[in-house]
Amino acid sequence: MKILIADDHELVRSGLARIIAEEFSSCTIHEAENGLQAEKMARSGKWDLIISDMSMPDKTGLDVLKQLRSEAIKIPVLILSIHPENQYALRVLKAGGNGYITKDCPRAEFINAVKIILSGKKYISANVAEKLASRFDDEINKEQHELISDRELQVLKLIASGKTVSEIADELALSIATISTYRHRLLEKMNFKNNAELTHYAITNHLV
């Protein structure tokens, strides 16, 4: 069995590798230190599971997942993140991911998620299951940030963290004009007038 761990923090990678090695003695573990490296390794090897961090500097775990699925690479992917499930879990599943789990989860829950995915199933927590059950509710009952795109959510979080349009453009490797367009869409979709209102919403809804 081969598992690829992708995270830009060496201590996180080594910690996850140790936990997996203790539980699966016959497992071979490899590491990728960023999203681009994870993509390259995913294409060049046969893997039973990829465990990827959500927030990596060059490409997020969600971006990596989408790229792999666009290339018809069906390796199971478990996204591990510091962000709460209500922010990304459904987006990961919709993009073709096999599970989403937060970094503050108990060790037993993490191992359980890995075992479930290795068995060919998707890992869905009780909270995510409840979200899935209510996904067919009218749009009016959904939170505003559930109605925006993945990239728009990313830009919203960066705006709320105090970054300027040019700083966001640099971080995401996009043009200032593109970021300005995303900002305009956010204001329009969420019926806000300025960055202050976007920031207030993000803080109120624990997005930052």
N, C-alpha and C. Protein backbone atom coordinates (compact mmCIF):
# COMPACT_ATOMS: atom_id res chain seq x y z
N MET A 1 0.84 -1.19 0.00
CA MET A 1 0.00 0.00 0.00
C MET A 1 0.89 1.25 0.00
N LYS A 2 0.54 2.21 -0.86
CA LYS A 2 1.31 3.45 -0.97
C LYS A 2 0.42 4.66 -0.68
N ILE A 3 0.89 5.53 0.21
CA ILE A 3 0.14 6.73 0.56
C ILE A 3 1.05 7.94 0.36
N LEU A 4 0.49 8.99 -0.26
CA LEU A 4 1.21 10.24 -0.47
C LEU A 4 0.65 11.30 0.48
N ILE A 5 1.52 11.93 1.24
CA ILE A 5 1.12 13.01 2.16
C ILE A 5 1.64 14.32 1.61
N ALA A 6 0.74 15.28 1.38
CA ALA A 6 1.12 16.59 0.86
C ALA A 6 0.80 17.68 1.87
N ASP A 7 1.84 18.36 2.34
CA ASP A 7 1.66 19.46 3.30
C ASP A 7 2.93 20.29 3.26
N ASP A 8 2.79 21.61 3.37
CA ASP A 8 3.97 22.47 3.29
C ASP A 8 4.70 22.59 4.62
N HIS A 9 4.25 21.89 5.65
CA HIS A 9 4.94 21.90 6.94
C HIS A 9 5.54 20.52 7.21
N GLU A 10 6.85 20.48 7.36
CA GLU A 10 7.55 19.20 7.54
C GLU A 10 7.09 18.47 8.80
N LEU A 11 6.86 19.21 9.87
CA LEU A 11 6.44 18.57 11.12
C LEU A 11 5.08 17.90 10.98
N VAL A 12 4.19 18.53 10.22
CA VAL A 12 2.86 17.93 9.99
C VAL A 12 3.01 16.65 9.18
N ARG A 13 3.81 16.72 8.13
CA ARG A 13 4.01 15.53 7.29
C ARG A 13 4.60 14.38 8.10
N SER A 14 5.62 14.67 8.90
CA SER A 14 6.26 13.60 9.67
C SER A 14 5.31 13.05 10.73
N GLY A 15 4.49 13.92 11.31
CA GLY A 15 3.52 13.46 12.31
C GLY A 15 2.48 12.55 11.71
N LEU A 16 1.96 12.93 10.56
CA LEU A 16 0.96 12.09 9.88
C LEU A 16 1.59 10.77 9.44
N ALA A 17 2.81 10.84 8.93
CA ALA A 17 3.50 9.63 8.48
C ALA A 17 3.69 8.66 9.64
N ARG A 18 4.04 9.17 10.80
CA ARG A 18 4.24 8.32 11.97
C ARG A 18 2.93 7.65 12.40
N ILE A 19 1.85 8.41 12.40
CA ILE A 19 0.55 7.85 12.79
C ILE A 19 0.14 6.74 11.82
N ILE A 20 0.31 7.00 10.53
CA ILE A 20 -0.08 6.01 9.52
C ILE A 20 0.80 4.77 9.61
N ALA A 21 2.09 4.97 9.80
CA ALA A 21 3.02 3.83 9.88
C ALA A 21 2.71 2.95 11.08
N GLU A 22 2.29 3.56 12.18
CA GLU A 22 1.96 2.78 13.38
C GLU A 22 0.69 1.97 13.17
N GLU A 23 -0.22 2.48 12.35
CA GLU A 23 -1.50 1.79 12.13
C GLU A 23 -1.43 0.81 10.97
N PHE A 24 -0.65 1.14 9.93
CA PHE A 24 -0.54 0.30 8.73
C PHE A 24 0.95 -0.04 8.54
N SER A 25 1.38 -1.10 9.15
CA SER A 25 2.81 -1.44 9.18
C SER A 25 3.39 -1.73 7.80
N SER A 26 2.57 -2.17 6.87
CA SER A 26 3.08 -2.53 5.55
C SER A 26 2.98 -1.37 4.56
N CYS A 27 2.60 -0.21 5.04
CA CYS A 27 2.38 0.94 4.15
C CYS A 27 3.69 1.64 3.80
N THR A 28 3.82 2.02 2.53
CA THR A 28 4.94 2.84 2.08
C THR A 28 4.45 4.28 1.97
N ILE A 29 5.15 5.20 2.64
CA ILE A 29 4.69 6.58 2.71
C ILE A 29 5.67 7.50 1.99
N HIS A 30 5.13 8.37 1.14
CA HIS A 30 5.94 9.36 0.45
C HIS A 30 5.39 10.75 0.78
N GLU A 31 6.22 11.76 0.63
CA GLU A 31 5.81 13.11 1.02
C GLU A 31 6.00 14.11 -0.12
N ALA A 32 5.07 15.07 -0.18
CA ALA A 32 5.18 16.20 -1.11
C ALA A 32 5.06 17.46 -0.29
N GLU A 33 5.93 18.44 -0.56
CA GLU A 33 5.95 19.63 0.28
C GLU A 33 5.12 20.79 -0.27
N ASN A 34 4.48 20.59 -1.42
CA ASN A 34 3.58 21.62 -1.95
C ASN A 34 2.63 21.00 -2.97
N GLY A 35 1.67 21.80 -3.42
CA GLY A 35 0.65 21.29 -4.32
C GLY A 35 1.17 20.86 -5.67
N LEU A 36 2.08 21.64 -6.24
CA LEU A 36 2.62 21.30 -7.55
C LEU A 36 3.39 19.99 -7.52
N GLN A 37 4.15 19.78 -6.45
CA GLN A 37 4.88 18.53 -6.30
C GLN A 37 3.91 17.36 -6.12
N ALA A 38 2.83 17.58 -5.39
CA ALA A 38 1.83 16.53 -5.19
C ALA A 38 1.20 16.13 -6.51
N GLU A 39 0.89 17.11 -7.36
CA GLU A 39 0.31 16.83 -8.68
C GLU A 39 1.27 15.97 -9.50
N LYS A 40 2.53 16.37 -9.53
CA LYS A 40 3.54 15.65 -10.32
C LYS A 40 3.69 14.22 -9.84
N MET A 41 3.74 14.03 -8.52
CA MET A 41 3.89 12.68 -7.96
C MET A 41 2.65 11.85 -8.20
N ALA A 42 1.48 12.49 -8.16
CA ALA A 42 0.22 11.76 -8.40
C ALA A 42 0.18 11.21 -9.82
N ARG A 43 0.73 11.97 -10.75
CA ARG A 43 0.72 11.55 -12.16
C ARG A 43 1.73 10.44 -12.42
N SER A 44 2.80 10.41 -11.65
CA SER A 44 3.91 9.51 -11.97
C SER A 44 3.92 8.20 -11.18
N GLY A 45 2.98 8.03 -10.27
CA GLY A 45 2.99 6.81 -9.47
C GLY A 45 1.60 6.24 -9.22
N LYS A 46 1.56 5.04 -8.72
CA LYS A 46 0.30 4.40 -8.40
C LYS A 46 0.10 4.49 -6.89
N TRP A 47 -0.95 5.20 -6.48
CA TRP A 47 -1.18 5.47 -5.07
C TRP A 47 -2.51 4.91 -4.61
N ASP A 48 -2.55 4.47 -3.36
CA ASP A 48 -3.80 4.00 -2.78
C ASP A 48 -4.58 5.16 -2.15
N LEU A 49 -3.84 6.22 -1.77
CA LEU A 49 -4.49 7.36 -1.13
C LEU A 49 -3.54 8.56 -1.14
N ILE A 50 -4.13 9.74 -1.36
CA ILE A 50 -3.41 10.99 -1.20
C ILE A 50 -4.06 11.75 -0.04
N ILE A 51 -3.25 12.13 0.93
CA ILE A 51 -3.74 12.95 2.04
C ILE A 51 -3.12 14.33 1.84
N SER A 52 -3.96 15.32 1.57
CA SER A 52 -3.44 16.64 1.21
C SER A 52 -3.97 17.73 2.13
N ASP A 53 -3.06 18.63 2.49
CA ASP A 53 -3.45 19.82 3.23
C ASP A 53 -4.29 20.71 2.31
N MET A 54 -5.23 21.46 2.89
CA MET A 54 -6.02 22.38 2.09
C MET A 54 -5.21 23.62 1.73
N SER A 55 -4.55 24.23 2.70
CA SER A 55 -3.87 25.52 2.49
C SER A 55 -2.38 25.34 2.25
N MET A 56 -2.01 25.33 0.98
CA MET A 56 -0.59 25.29 0.61
C MET A 56 -0.30 26.52 -0.23
N PRO A 57 0.92 27.07 -0.17
CA PRO A 57 1.21 28.37 -0.77
C PRO A 57 1.06 28.47 -2.28
N ASP A 58 1.41 27.42 -3.02
CA ASP A 58 1.33 27.52 -4.47
C ASP A 58 -0.03 27.10 -5.03
N LYS A 59 -0.53 25.98 -4.53
CA LYS A 59 -1.82 25.47 -4.96
C LYS A 59 -2.51 24.86 -3.76
N THR A 60 -3.79 25.19 -3.56
CA THR A 60 -4.50 24.61 -2.43
C THR A 60 -4.79 23.13 -2.69
N GLY A 61 -5.10 22.41 -1.63
CA GLY A 61 -5.47 21.01 -1.79
C GLY A 61 -6.67 20.85 -2.68
N LEU A 62 -7.61 21.79 -2.61
CA LEU A 62 -8.80 21.74 -3.46
C LEU A 62 -8.43 21.96 -4.92
N ASP A 63 -7.50 22.87 -5.18
CA ASP A 63 -7.04 23.09 -6.56
C ASP A 63 -6.35 21.85 -7.12
N VAL A 64 -5.55 21.21 -6.28
CA VAL A 64 -4.87 19.98 -6.70
C VAL A 64 -5.89 18.90 -7.02
N LEU A 65 -6.88 18.75 -6.15
CA LEU A 65 -7.94 17.76 -6.36
C LEU A 65 -8.65 18.00 -7.68
N LYS A 66 -9.03 19.24 -7.94
CA LYS A 66 -9.74 19.56 -9.17
C LYS A 66 -8.89 19.26 -10.40
N GLN A 67 -7.60 19.57 -10.32
CA GLN A 67 -6.71 19.31 -11.45
C GLN A 67 -6.59 17.82 -11.73
N LEU A 68 -6.42 17.03 -10.67
CA LEU A 68 -6.31 15.58 -10.85
C LEU A 68 -7.59 15.00 -11.46
N ARG A 69 -8.73 15.44 -10.97
CA ARG A 69 -9.99 14.92 -11.51
C ARG A 69 -10.20 15.36 -12.95
N SER A 70 -9.72 16.56 -13.30
CA SER A 70 -9.86 17.03 -14.68
C SER A 70 -9.02 16.19 -15.63
N GLU A 71 -7.97 15.52 -15.09
CA GLU A 71 -7.12 14.64 -15.88
C GLU A 71 -7.55 13.18 -15.75
N ALA A 72 -8.73 12.97 -15.17
CA ALA A 72 -9.28 11.63 -14.98
C ALA A 72 -8.40 10.76 -14.08
N ILE A 73 -7.67 11.38 -13.17
CA ILE A 73 -6.88 10.65 -12.18
C ILE A 73 -7.79 10.40 -10.98
N LYS A 74 -8.09 9.15 -10.71
CA LYS A 74 -9.12 8.81 -9.73
C LYS A 74 -8.57 8.35 -8.37
N ILE A 75 -7.32 8.65 -8.10
CA ILE A 75 -6.74 8.28 -6.81
C ILE A 75 -7.58 8.89 -5.69
N PRO A 76 -7.95 8.13 -4.67
CA PRO A 76 -8.71 8.68 -3.55
C PRO A 76 -7.94 9.82 -2.87
N VAL A 77 -8.65 10.89 -2.55
CA VAL A 77 -8.03 12.06 -1.92
C VAL A 77 -8.77 12.43 -0.64
N LEU A 78 -8.01 12.50 0.46
CA LEU A 78 -8.54 12.98 1.73
C LEU A 78 -7.93 14.34 2.00
N ILE A 79 -8.77 15.36 2.15
CA ILE A 79 -8.29 16.70 2.44
C ILE A 79 -8.27 16.92 3.95
N LEU A 80 -7.13 17.38 4.42
CA LEU A 80 -6.94 17.66 5.84
C LEU A 80 -6.73 19.17 5.99
N SER A 81 -7.46 19.80 6.92
CA SER A 81 -7.42 21.26 6.95
C SER A 81 -7.62 21.83 8.35
N ILE A 82 -7.17 23.08 8.52
CA ILE A 82 -7.45 23.80 9.76
C ILE A 82 -8.82 24.46 9.70
N HIS A 83 -9.40 24.54 8.51
CA HIS A 83 -10.68 25.22 8.34
C HIS A 83 -11.85 24.31 8.73
N PRO A 84 -12.87 24.87 9.37
CA PRO A 84 -14.04 24.08 9.78
C PRO A 84 -14.73 23.40 8.60
N GLU A 85 -15.41 22.33 8.88
CA GLU A 85 -16.08 21.56 7.83
C GLU A 85 -17.09 22.39 7.05
N ASN A 86 -17.77 23.32 7.74
CA ASN A 86 -18.82 24.07 7.06
C ASN A 86 -18.29 24.99 5.98
N GLN A 87 -16.98 25.19 5.94
CA GLN A 87 -16.41 26.05 4.91
C GLN A 87 -16.05 25.28 3.63
N TYR A 88 -15.55 24.06 3.77
CA TYR A 88 -14.99 23.38 2.60
C TYR A 88 -15.42 21.94 2.36
N ALA A 89 -15.99 21.28 3.34
CA ALA A 89 -16.26 19.84 3.19
C ALA A 89 -17.12 19.53 1.97
N LEU A 90 -18.23 20.24 1.81
CA LEU A 90 -19.11 19.97 0.67
C LEU A 90 -18.43 20.32 -0.65
N ARG A 91 -17.62 21.37 -0.64
CA ARG A 91 -16.91 21.75 -1.86
C ARG A 91 -15.91 20.66 -2.27
N VAL A 92 -15.26 20.07 -1.28
CA VAL A 92 -14.31 18.98 -1.56
C VAL A 92 -15.03 17.77 -2.14
N LEU A 93 -16.14 17.39 -1.53
CA LEU A 93 -16.91 16.25 -2.02
C LEU A 93 -17.44 16.52 -3.43
N LYS A 94 -17.91 17.74 -3.67
CA LYS A 94 -18.44 18.10 -4.98
C LYS A 94 -17.35 18.05 -6.05
N ALA A 95 -16.12 18.36 -5.65
CA ALA A 95 -15.00 18.36 -6.60
C ALA A 95 -14.46 16.95 -6.86
N GLY A 96 -15.01 15.97 -6.17
CA GLY A 96 -14.55 14.59 -6.39
C GLY A 96 -13.66 14.04 -5.30
N GLY A 97 -13.57 14.77 -4.19
CA GLY A 97 -12.77 14.29 -3.07
C GLY A 97 -13.45 13.14 -2.35
N ASN A 98 -12.69 12.41 -1.56
CA ASN A 98 -13.22 11.24 -0.87
C ASN A 98 -13.43 11.47 0.62
N GLY A 99 -13.04 12.65 1.09
CA GLY A 99 -13.27 12.97 2.49
C GLY A 99 -12.61 14.28 2.87
N TYR A 100 -13.08 14.84 3.97
CA TYR A 100 -12.55 16.10 4.49
C TYR A 100 -12.52 15.99 6.00
N ILE A 101 -11.39 16.34 6.60
CA ILE A 101 -11.28 16.21 8.05
C ILE A 101 -10.41 17.35 8.57
N THR A 102 -10.71 17.84 9.75
CA THR A 102 -9.96 18.96 10.30
C THR A 102 -8.75 18.47 11.09
N LYS A 103 -7.72 19.32 11.17
CA LYS A 103 -6.47 18.93 11.82
C LYS A 103 -6.59 18.80 13.33
N ASP A 104 -7.67 19.31 13.90
CA ASP A 104 -7.83 19.18 15.35
C ASP A 104 -8.67 17.97 15.74
N CYS A 105 -8.94 17.09 14.76
CA CYS A 105 -9.74 15.90 15.05
C CYS A 105 -8.93 14.90 15.88
N PRO A 106 -9.61 14.03 16.63
CA PRO A 106 -8.91 12.98 17.38
C PRO A 106 -8.18 12.03 16.43
N ARG A 107 -7.11 11.45 16.90
CA ARG A 107 -6.32 10.49 16.11
C ARG A 107 -7.21 9.37 15.60
N ALA A 108 -8.10 8.85 16.46
CA ALA A 108 -8.96 7.73 16.08
C ALA A 108 -9.87 8.09 14.91
N GLU A 109 -10.34 9.34 14.89
CA GLU A 109 -11.21 9.77 13.80
C GLU A 109 -10.44 9.84 12.49
N PHE A 110 -9.20 10.33 12.56
CA PHE A 110 -8.36 10.40 11.37
C PHE A 110 -8.10 9.00 10.81
N ILE A 111 -7.73 8.08 11.67
CA ILE A 111 -7.48 6.70 11.23
C ILE A 111 -8.75 6.09 10.65
N ASN A 112 -9.87 6.36 11.28
CA ASN A 112 -11.15 5.83 10.78
C ASN A 112 -11.44 6.37 9.38
N ALA A 113 -11.17 7.66 9.16
CA ALA A 113 -11.39 8.25 7.85
C ALA A 113 -10.51 7.58 6.80
N VAL A 114 -9.24 7.35 7.15
CA VAL A 114 -8.32 6.69 6.22
C VAL A 114 -8.80 5.28 5.88
N LYS A 115 -9.21 4.53 6.89
CA LYS A 115 -9.68 3.16 6.66
C LYS A 115 -10.93 3.13 5.78
N ILE A 116 -11.86 4.03 6.04
CA ILE A 116 -13.09 4.08 5.25
C ILE A 116 -12.78 4.37 3.78
N ILE A 117 -11.89 5.33 3.54
CA ILE A 117 -11.56 5.69 2.16
C ILE A 117 -10.79 4.55 1.48
N LEU A 118 -9.88 3.92 2.19
CA LEU A 118 -9.14 2.79 1.62
C LEU A 118 -10.06 1.61 1.29
N SER A 119 -11.20 1.54 1.96
CA SER A 119 -12.16 0.46 1.68
C SER A 119 -13.01 0.76 0.45
N GLY A 120 -12.81 1.93 -0.13
CA GLY A 120 -13.54 2.27 -1.35
C GLY A 120 -14.74 3.18 -1.12
N LYS A 121 -14.92 3.64 0.11
CA LYS A 121 -16.06 4.50 0.42
C LYS A 121 -15.58 5.94 0.66
N LYS A 122 -16.54 6.85 0.80
CA LYS A 122 -16.23 8.23 1.13
C LYS A 122 -16.40 8.43 2.64
N TYR A 123 -15.52 9.24 3.20
CA TYR A 123 -15.65 9.56 4.62
C TYR A 123 -16.49 10.81 4.78
N ILE A 124 -17.61 10.68 5.49
CA ILE A 124 -18.51 11.80 5.73
C ILE A 124 -18.82 11.85 7.22
N SER A 125 -18.47 12.95 7.86
CA SER A 125 -18.76 13.09 9.29
C SER A 125 -20.25 13.34 9.50
N ALA A 126 -20.68 13.26 10.74
CA ALA A 126 -22.10 13.49 11.06
C ALA A 126 -22.52 14.90 10.65
N ASN A 127 -21.64 15.88 10.87
CA ASN A 127 -21.97 17.26 10.50
C ASN A 127 -22.13 17.42 8.99
N VAL A 128 -21.23 16.78 8.23
CA VAL A 128 -21.31 16.87 6.78
C VAL A 128 -22.54 16.12 6.27
N ALA A 129 -22.85 15.01 6.88
CA ALA A 129 -24.04 14.24 6.48
C ALA A 129 -25.29 15.10 6.65
N GLU A 130 -25.33 15.87 7.73
CA GLU A 130 -26.47 16.76 7.97
C GLU A 130 -26.54 17.84 6.90
N LYS A 131 -25.37 18.36 6.53
CA LYS A 131 -25.33 19.36 5.47
C LYS A 131 -25.82 18.79 4.14
N LEU A 132 -25.39 17.55 3.85
CA LEU A 132 -25.83 16.90 2.61
C LEU A 132 -27.33 16.68 2.59
N ALA A 133 -27.87 16.32 3.76
CA ALA A 133 -29.31 16.08 3.85
C ALA A 133 -30.11 17.34 3.59
N SER A 134 -29.51 18.48 3.90
CA SER A 134 -30.24 19.74 3.73
C SER A 134 -29.86 20.49 2.46
N ARG A 135 -29.01 19.86 1.63
CA ARG A 135 -28.53 20.55 0.44
C ARG A 135 -29.62 20.84 -0.57
N PHE A 136 -30.74 20.14 -0.45
CA PHE A 136 -31.83 20.34 -1.39
C PHE A 136 -32.81 21.41 -0.91
N ASP A 137 -32.49 22.04 0.21
CA ASP A 137 -33.33 23.15 0.68
C ASP A 137 -33.27 24.29 -0.31
N ASP A 138 -34.23 25.18 -0.21
CA ASP A 138 -34.23 26.35 -1.08
C ASP A 138 -32.97 27.17 -0.87
N GLU A 139 -32.51 27.83 -1.93
CA GLU A 139 -31.31 28.64 -1.85
C GLU A 139 -31.41 29.70 -0.76
N ILE A 140 -32.61 30.16 -0.49
CA ILE A 140 -32.81 31.23 0.48
C ILE A 140 -32.40 30.80 1.89
N ASN A 141 -32.40 29.48 2.12
CA ASN A 141 -32.05 28.98 3.45
C ASN A 141 -30.56 28.75 3.62
N LYS A 142 -29.80 28.97 2.57
CA LYS A 142 -28.37 28.71 2.65
C LYS A 142 -27.61 29.97 3.04
N GLU A 143 -26.47 29.78 3.67
CA GLU A 143 -25.61 30.90 4.01
C GLU A 143 -25.07 31.52 2.73
N GLN A 144 -24.83 32.82 2.76
CA GLN A 144 -24.37 33.52 1.55
C GLN A 144 -23.06 32.94 1.01
N HIS A 145 -22.14 32.57 1.90
CA HIS A 145 -20.86 32.06 1.42
C HIS A 145 -20.96 30.67 0.82
N GLU A 146 -22.11 30.01 0.98
CA GLU A 146 -22.30 28.71 0.35
C GLU A 146 -22.73 28.85 -1.10
N LEU A 147 -23.05 30.08 -1.50
CA LEU A 147 -23.56 30.31 -2.85
C LEU A 147 -22.51 30.90 -3.78
N ILE A 148 -21.32 31.17 -3.25
CA ILE A 148 -20.26 31.73 -4.08
C ILE A 148 -19.29 30.63 -4.50
N SER A 149 -18.48 30.93 -5.50
CA SER A 149 -17.55 29.91 -6.03
C SER A 149 -16.39 29.70 -5.06
N ASP A 150 -15.63 28.63 -5.30
CA ASP A 150 -14.47 28.34 -4.46
C ASP A 150 -13.46 29.48 -4.50
N ARG A 151 -13.19 30.01 -5.69
CA ARG A 151 -12.22 31.10 -5.81
C ARG A 151 -12.75 32.38 -5.15
N GLU A 152 -14.04 32.63 -5.29
CA GLU A 152 -14.63 33.80 -4.64
C GLU A 152 -14.53 33.70 -3.12
N LEU A 153 -14.73 32.50 -2.59
CA LEU A 153 -14.58 32.30 -1.15
C LEU A 153 -13.14 32.56 -0.73
N GLN A 154 -12.19 32.10 -1.52
CA GLN A 154 -10.78 32.30 -1.22
C GLN A 154 -10.45 33.80 -1.19
N VAL A 155 -10.96 34.54 -2.18
CA VAL A 155 -10.72 35.98 -2.24
C VAL A 155 -11.40 36.69 -1.06
N LEU A 156 -12.60 36.25 -0.72
CA LEU A 156 -13.31 36.84 0.42
C LEU A 156 -12.50 36.70 1.70
N LYS A 157 -11.95 35.53 1.93
CA LYS A 157 -11.17 35.28 3.14
C LYS A 157 -9.90 36.14 3.16
N LEU A 158 -9.29 36.33 2.01
CA LEU A 158 -8.07 37.15 1.93
C LEU A 158 -8.38 38.63 2.13
N ILE A 159 -9.50 39.08 1.57
CA ILE A 159 -9.92 40.47 1.79
C ILE A 159 -10.17 40.70 3.27
N ALA A 160 -10.86 39.75 3.89
CA ALA A 160 -11.20 39.87 5.31
C ALA A 160 -9.96 39.81 6.20
N SER A 161 -8.89 39.21 5.69
CA SER A 161 -7.65 39.14 6.47
C SER A 161 -6.84 40.43 6.37
N GLY A 162 -7.35 41.39 5.57
CA GLY A 162 -6.71 42.70 5.47
C GLY A 162 -5.81 42.89 4.28
N LYS A 163 -5.77 41.94 3.37
CA LYS A 163 -4.89 42.05 2.20
C LYS A 163 -5.50 42.95 1.13
N THR A 164 -4.65 43.68 0.43
CA THR A 164 -5.10 44.53 -0.67
C THR A 164 -5.30 43.69 -1.93
N VAL A 165 -5.92 44.30 -2.93
CA VAL A 165 -6.15 43.60 -4.20
C VAL A 165 -4.83 43.16 -4.82
N SER A 166 -3.83 44.04 -4.77
CA SER A 166 -2.53 43.68 -5.36
C SER A 166 -1.85 42.56 -4.59
N GLU A 167 -1.97 42.57 -3.27
CA GLU A 167 -1.38 41.50 -2.45
C GLU A 167 -2.07 40.16 -2.72
N ILE A 168 -3.38 40.19 -2.88
CA ILE A 168 -4.13 38.96 -3.19
C ILE A 168 -3.72 38.45 -4.57
N ALA A 169 -3.57 39.36 -5.52
CA ALA A 169 -3.15 38.97 -6.87
C ALA A 169 -1.79 38.27 -6.83
N ASP A 170 -0.86 38.82 -6.05
CA ASP A 170 0.46 38.20 -5.93
C ASP A 170 0.37 36.82 -5.29
N GLU A 171 -0.43 36.70 -4.23
CA GLU A 171 -0.53 35.43 -3.50
C GLU A 171 -1.15 34.33 -4.35
N LEU A 172 -2.14 34.70 -5.18
CA LEU A 172 -2.85 33.70 -5.98
C LEU A 172 -2.28 33.60 -7.40
N ALA A 173 -1.26 34.38 -7.69
CA ALA A 173 -0.63 34.37 -9.02
C ALA A 173 -1.66 34.70 -10.11
N LEU A 174 -2.49 35.70 -9.83
CA LEU A 174 -3.49 36.17 -10.79
C LEU A 174 -3.30 37.67 -10.99
N SER A 175 -3.93 38.21 -12.03
CA SER A 175 -3.78 39.64 -12.30
C SER A 175 -4.64 40.46 -11.34
N ILE A 176 -4.25 41.71 -11.17
CA ILE A 176 -5.04 42.62 -10.33
C ILE A 176 -6.45 42.77 -10.89
N ALA A 177 -6.55 42.82 -12.22
CA ALA A 177 -7.87 42.95 -12.86
C ALA A 177 -8.77 41.76 -12.53
N THR A 178 -8.17 40.56 -12.51
CA THR A 178 -8.96 39.36 -12.19
C THR A 178 -9.45 39.39 -10.76
N ILE A 179 -8.59 39.79 -9.82
CA ILE A 179 -8.99 39.87 -8.42
C ILE A 179 -10.06 40.93 -8.24
N SER A 180 -9.93 42.04 -8.95
CA SER A 180 -10.94 43.10 -8.88
C SER A 180 -12.29 42.59 -9.36
N THR A 181 -12.25 41.73 -10.39
CA THR A 181 -13.50 41.14 -10.90
C THR A 181 -14.13 40.23 -9.85
N TYR A 182 -13.31 39.42 -9.20
CA TYR A 182 -13.83 38.55 -8.14
C TYR A 182 -14.43 39.39 -7.01
N ARG A 183 -13.75 40.47 -6.64
CA ARG A 183 -14.26 41.35 -5.58
C ARG A 183 -15.61 41.94 -5.99
N HIS A 184 -15.71 42.40 -7.24
CA HIS A 184 -16.97 42.98 -7.73
C HIS A 184 -18.10 41.94 -7.67
N ARG A 185 -17.78 40.70 -8.06
CA ARG A 185 -18.79 39.64 -8.02
C ARG A 185 -19.26 39.37 -6.59
N LEU A 186 -18.29 39.37 -5.66
CA LEU A 186 -18.63 39.15 -4.26
C LEU A 186 -19.59 40.22 -3.75
N LEU A 187 -19.27 41.46 -4.02
CA LEU A 187 -20.12 42.56 -3.57
C LEU A 187 -21.52 42.45 -4.18
N GLU A 188 -21.56 42.06 -5.44
CA GLU A 188 -22.84 41.94 -6.15
C GLU A 188 -23.66 40.76 -5.63
N LYS A 189 -23.03 39.60 -5.53
CA LYS A 189 -23.74 38.40 -5.10
C LYS A 189 -24.22 38.49 -3.65
N MET A 190 -23.39 39.11 -2.81
CA MET A 190 -23.69 39.14 -1.38
C MET A 190 -24.39 40.43 -0.97
N ASN A 191 -24.63 41.30 -1.96
CA ASN A 191 -25.36 42.55 -1.74
C ASN A 191 -24.67 43.43 -0.71
N PHE A 192 -23.34 43.55 -0.84
CA PHE A 192 -22.56 44.41 0.03
C PHE A 192 -22.02 45.59 -0.78
N LYS A 193 -21.61 46.63 -0.05
CA LYS A 193 -21.15 47.85 -0.72
C LYS A 193 -19.64 48.01 -0.73
N ASN A 194 -18.95 47.41 0.24
CA ASN A 194 -17.51 47.66 0.34
C ASN A 194 -16.80 46.53 1.08
N ASN A 195 -15.48 46.66 1.17
CA ASN A 195 -14.67 45.62 1.84
C ASN A 195 -15.00 45.49 3.31
N ALA A 196 -15.39 46.61 3.93
CA ALA A 196 -15.72 46.57 5.36
C ALA A 196 -16.89 45.63 5.62
N GLU A 197 -17.89 45.67 4.77
CA GLU A 197 -19.05 44.79 4.93
C GLU A 197 -18.67 43.34 4.65
N LEU A 198 -17.80 43.12 3.66
CA LEU A 198 -17.32 41.76 3.38
C LEU A 198 -16.55 41.23 4.59
N THR A 199 -15.71 42.07 5.15
CA THR A 199 -14.90 41.67 6.31
C THR A 199 -15.77 41.37 7.51
N HIS A 200 -16.76 42.21 7.75
CA HIS A 200 -17.68 41.99 8.88
C HIS A 200 -18.40 40.66 8.72
N TYR A 201 -18.85 40.35 7.51
CA TYR A 201 -19.55 39.08 7.24
C TYR A 201 -18.61 37.90 7.52
N ALA A 202 -17.39 38.00 6.99
CA ALA A 202 -16.43 36.90 7.15
C ALA A 202 -16.12 36.63 8.62
N ILE A 203 -15.95 37.70 9.39
CA ILE A 203 -15.65 37.54 10.81
C ILE A 203 -16.85 36.98 11.55
N THR A 204 -18.03 37.50 11.26
CA THR A 204 -19.25 37.05 11.92
C THR A 204 -19.52 35.57 11.68
N ASN A 205 -19.16 35.11 10.45
CA ASN A 205 -19.41 33.71 10.09
C ASN A 205 -18.18 32.83 10.26
N HIS A 206 -17.19 33.34 10.99
CA HIS A 206 -15.99 32.56 11.36
C HIS A 206 -15.25 32.04 10.12
N LEU A 207 -15.16 32.85 9.08
CA LEU A 207 -14.43 32.45 7.88
C LEU A 207 -12.96 32.82 7.97
N VAL A 208 -12.61 33.68 8.93
CA VAL A 208 -11.22 34.05 9.15
C VAL A 208 -10.91 33.96 10.64
